[in-house]
C-alpha atoms as a PDB file:
ATOM      1  CA  MET A   1     -91.201 -64.101  25.690  1.00  0.00           C
ATOM      2  CA  LYS A   2     -90.214 -67.604  24.653  1.00  0.00           C
ATOM      3  CA  LEU A   3     -91.651 -68.475  21.259  1.00  0.00           C
ATOM      4  CA  ASP A   4     -93.037 -71.873  20.496  1.00  0.00           C
ATOM      5  CA  LEU A   5     -91.282 -73.589  17.589  1.00  0.00           C
ATOM      6  CA  LYS A   6     -94.700 -74.064  15.953  1.00  0.00           C
ATOM      7  CA  VAL A   7     -95.105 -70.259  15.690  1.00  0.00           C
ATOM      8  CA  VAL A   8     -91.735 -69.973  13.970  1.00  0.00           C
ATOM      9  CA  GLU A   9     -92.663 -72.748  11.551  1.00  0.00           C
ATOM     10  CA  ASP A  10     -95.992 -71.047  10.778  1.00  0.00           C
ATOM     11  CA  VAL A  11     -94.272 -67.701  10.101  1.00  0.00           C
ATOM     12  CA  ALA A  12     -91.649 -69.401   7.939  1.00  0.00           C
ATOM     13  CA  HIS A  13     -94.404 -71.138   5.979  1.00  0.00           C
ATOM     14  CA  LEU A  14     -96.253 -67.852   5.406  1.00  0.00           C
ATOM     15  CA  ALA A  15     -93.009 -66.190   4.284  1.00  0.00           C
ATOM     16  CA  ARG A  16     -92.210 -69.196   2.074  1.00  0.00           C
ATOM     17  CA  LEU A  17     -88.922 -69.789   3.900  1.00  0.00           C
ATOM     18  CA  GLY A  18     -87.382 -73.215   4.030  1.00  0.00           C
ATOM     19  CA  LEU A  19     -85.570 -73.272   7.362  1.00  0.00           C
ATOM     20  CA  ASN A  20     -83.482 -76.046   8.848  1.00  0.00           C
ATOM     21  CA  GLU A  21     -83.603 -76.764  12.580  1.00  0.00           C
ATOM     22  CA  ALA A  22     -80.687 -74.435  13.422  1.00  0.00           C
ATOM     23  CA  GLU A  23     -82.269 -71.582  11.460  1.00  0.00           C
ATOM     24  CA  LYS A  24     -85.620 -72.167  13.162  1.00  0.00           C
ATOM     25  CA  GLU A  25     -83.938 -71.864  16.543  1.00  0.00           C
ATOM     26  CA  GLN A  26     -82.159 -68.682  15.437  1.00  0.00           C
ATOM     27  CA  MET A  27     -85.441 -67.219  14.176  1.00  0.00           C
ATOM     28  CA  ARG A  28     -87.106 -68.099  17.467  1.00  0.00           C
ATOM     29  CA  GLU A  29     -84.445 -66.099  19.315  1.00  0.00           C
ATOM     30  CA  GLU A  30     -84.661 -63.152  16.889  1.00  0.00           C
ATOM     31  CA  LEU A  31     -88.458 -62.984  16.632  1.00  0.00           C
ATOM     32  CA  ALA A  32     -89.120 -63.049  20.374  1.00  0.00           C
ATOM     33  CA  PRO A  33     -87.870 -59.480  21.096  1.00  0.00           C
ATOM     34  CA  ILE A  34     -89.772 -58.139  18.069  1.00  0.00           C
ATOM     35  CA  LEU A  35     -93.003 -59.669  19.319  1.00  0.00           C
ATOM     36  CA  ASP A  36     -92.278 -58.271  22.791  1.00  0.00           C
ATOM     37  CA  TYR A  37     -92.323 -54.788  21.265  1.00  0.00           C
ATOM     38  CA  PHE A  38     -95.697 -55.530  19.692  1.00  0.00           C
ATOM     39  CA  GLU A  39     -96.971 -56.592  23.112  1.00  0.00           C
ATOM     40  CA  MET A  40     -95.891 -53.203  24.494  1.00  0.00           C
ATOM     41  CA  LEU A  41     -97.881 -51.503  21.713  1.00  0.00           C
ATOM     42  CA  ASN A  42    -100.954 -53.528  22.714  1.00  0.00           C
ATOM     43  CA  GLU A  43    -100.814 -51.840  26.126  1.00  0.00           C
ATOM     44  CA  LEU A  44    -101.470 -48.390  24.586  1.00  0.00           C
ATOM     45  CA  ASP A  45    -104.977 -46.971  24.823  1.00  0.00           C
ATOM     46  CA  THR A  46    -106.062 -46.301  21.242  1.00  0.00           C
ATOM     47  CA  SER A  47    -109.813 -46.117  21.908  1.00  0.00           C
ATOM     48  CA  HIS A  48    -109.866 -42.352  21.195  1.00  0.00           C
ATOM     49  CA  ILE A  49    -108.058 -42.703  17.843  1.00  0.00           C
ATOM     50  CA  PRO A  50    -110.317 -43.305  14.848  1.00  0.00           C
ATOM     51  CA  PRO A  51    -109.387 -46.181  12.531  1.00  0.00           C
ATOM     52  CA  THR A  52    -107.475 -44.969   9.500  1.00  0.00           C
ATOM     53  CA  ALA A  53    -105.964 -46.497   6.413  1.00  0.00           C
ATOM     54  CA  GLN A  54    -103.341 -43.739   6.151  1.00  0.00           C
ATOM     55  CA  VAL A  55    -101.812 -41.722   8.962  1.00  0.00           C
ATOM     56  CA  ILE A  56    -101.241 -38.768   6.666  1.00  0.00           C
ATOM     57  CA  SER A  57    -103.624 -37.399   4.092  1.00  0.00           C
ATOM     58  CA  VAL A  58    -102.714 -38.665   0.653  1.00  0.00           C
ATOM     59  CA  GLN A  59    -104.226 -37.553  -2.596  1.00  0.00           C
ATOM     60  CA  ASN A  60    -103.487 -39.067  -5.984  1.00  0.00           C
ATOM     61  CA  LEU A  61    -102.319 -36.575  -8.528  1.00  0.00           C
ATOM     62  CA  MET A  62    -103.552 -37.643 -11.899  1.00  0.00           C
ATOM     63  CA  ARG A  63    -102.446 -36.251 -15.219  1.00  0.00           C
ATOM     64  CA  PRO A  64    -103.891 -36.909 -18.642  1.00  0.00           C
ATOM     65  CA  ASP A  65    -102.170 -39.531 -20.750  1.00  0.00           C
ATOM     66  CA  GLU A  66    -100.014 -37.964 -23.402  1.00  0.00           C
ATOM     67  CA  VAL A  67     -98.258 -39.670 -26.267  1.00  0.00           C
ATOM     68  CA  ARG A  68     -94.584 -38.792 -26.070  1.00  0.00           C
ATOM     69  CA  PRO A  69     -91.555 -40.212 -27.821  1.00  0.00           C
ATOM     70  CA  SER A  70     -89.592 -42.732 -25.815  1.00  0.00           C
ATOM     71  CA  ALA A  71     -85.860 -43.250 -25.686  1.00  0.00           C
ATOM     72  CA  PRO A  72     -84.299 -45.097 -28.634  1.00  0.00           C
ATOM     73  CA  ALA A  73     -84.170 -48.882 -28.202  1.00  0.00           C
ATOM     74  CA  GLN A  74     -80.376 -48.967 -28.544  1.00  0.00           C
ATOM     75  CA  GLU A  75     -80.004 -46.470 -25.697  1.00  0.00           C
ATOM     76  CA  VAL A  76     -82.454 -48.327 -23.457  1.00  0.00           C
ATOM     77  CA  LEU A  77     -80.772 -51.688 -24.099  1.00  0.00           C
ATOM     78  CA  ALA A  78     -77.218 -50.358 -23.812  1.00  0.00           C
ATOM     79  CA  ASN A  79     -76.738 -51.718 -20.268  1.00  0.00           C
ATOM     80  CA  ALA A  80     -78.888 -54.820 -20.602  1.00  0.00           C
ATOM     81  CA  PRO A  81     -76.911 -57.897 -19.564  1.00  0.00           C
ATOM     82  CA  PHE A  82     -78.768 -60.045 -22.090  1.00  0.00           C
ATOM     83  CA  ARG A  83     -80.698 -58.933 -25.122  1.00  0.00           C
ATOM     84  CA  GLU A  84     -82.227 -60.400 -28.223  1.00  0.00           C
ATOM     85  CA  ASP A  85     -82.833 -58.033 -31.133  1.00  0.00           C
ATOM     86  CA  ASN A  86     -84.556 -55.009 -29.597  1.00  0.00           C
ATOM     87  CA  TYR A  87     -85.782 -56.842 -26.485  1.00  0.00           C
ATOM     88  CA  PHE A  88     -84.518 -57.650 -23.006  1.00  0.00           C
ATOM     89  CA  ARG A  89     -83.752 -61.345 -22.676  1.00  0.00           C
ATOM     90  CA  VAL A  90     -84.713 -62.773 -19.304  1.00  0.00           C
ATOM     91  CA  ARG A  91     -84.623 -66.231 -17.836  1.00  0.00           C
ATOM     92  CA  PRO A  92     -87.935 -68.070 -17.954  1.00  0.00           C
ATOM     93  CA  ILE A  93     -89.767 -68.115 -14.642  1.00  0.00           C
ATOM     94  CA  PHE A  94     -92.025 -71.068 -15.396  1.00  0.00           C
ATOM     95  CA  GLU A  95     -90.720 -74.542 -15.989  1.00  0.00           C
ATOM     96  CA  LYS A  96     -92.195 -76.639 -18.772  1.00  0.00           C
END
């Protein structure tokens, strides 16, 4: 299957990828075989399989909240690359 460049650009936009022309061409070559596999899956008859959200049964195991002591701040922050007093220091994610 030969992918249209527009499809690659749409996928890159959805994935928030900024691709140059060479990368778009590379993605077109790499995405085509993946989409071919999806086409093969479309050929399967799934009419007898009920729609499911999970393929295995999953049950949440809930426990009551309990107040417990936590690790000391010095121990928790021992491997922190940056810290300020008893807090992790992180780079801001929003610009002013």
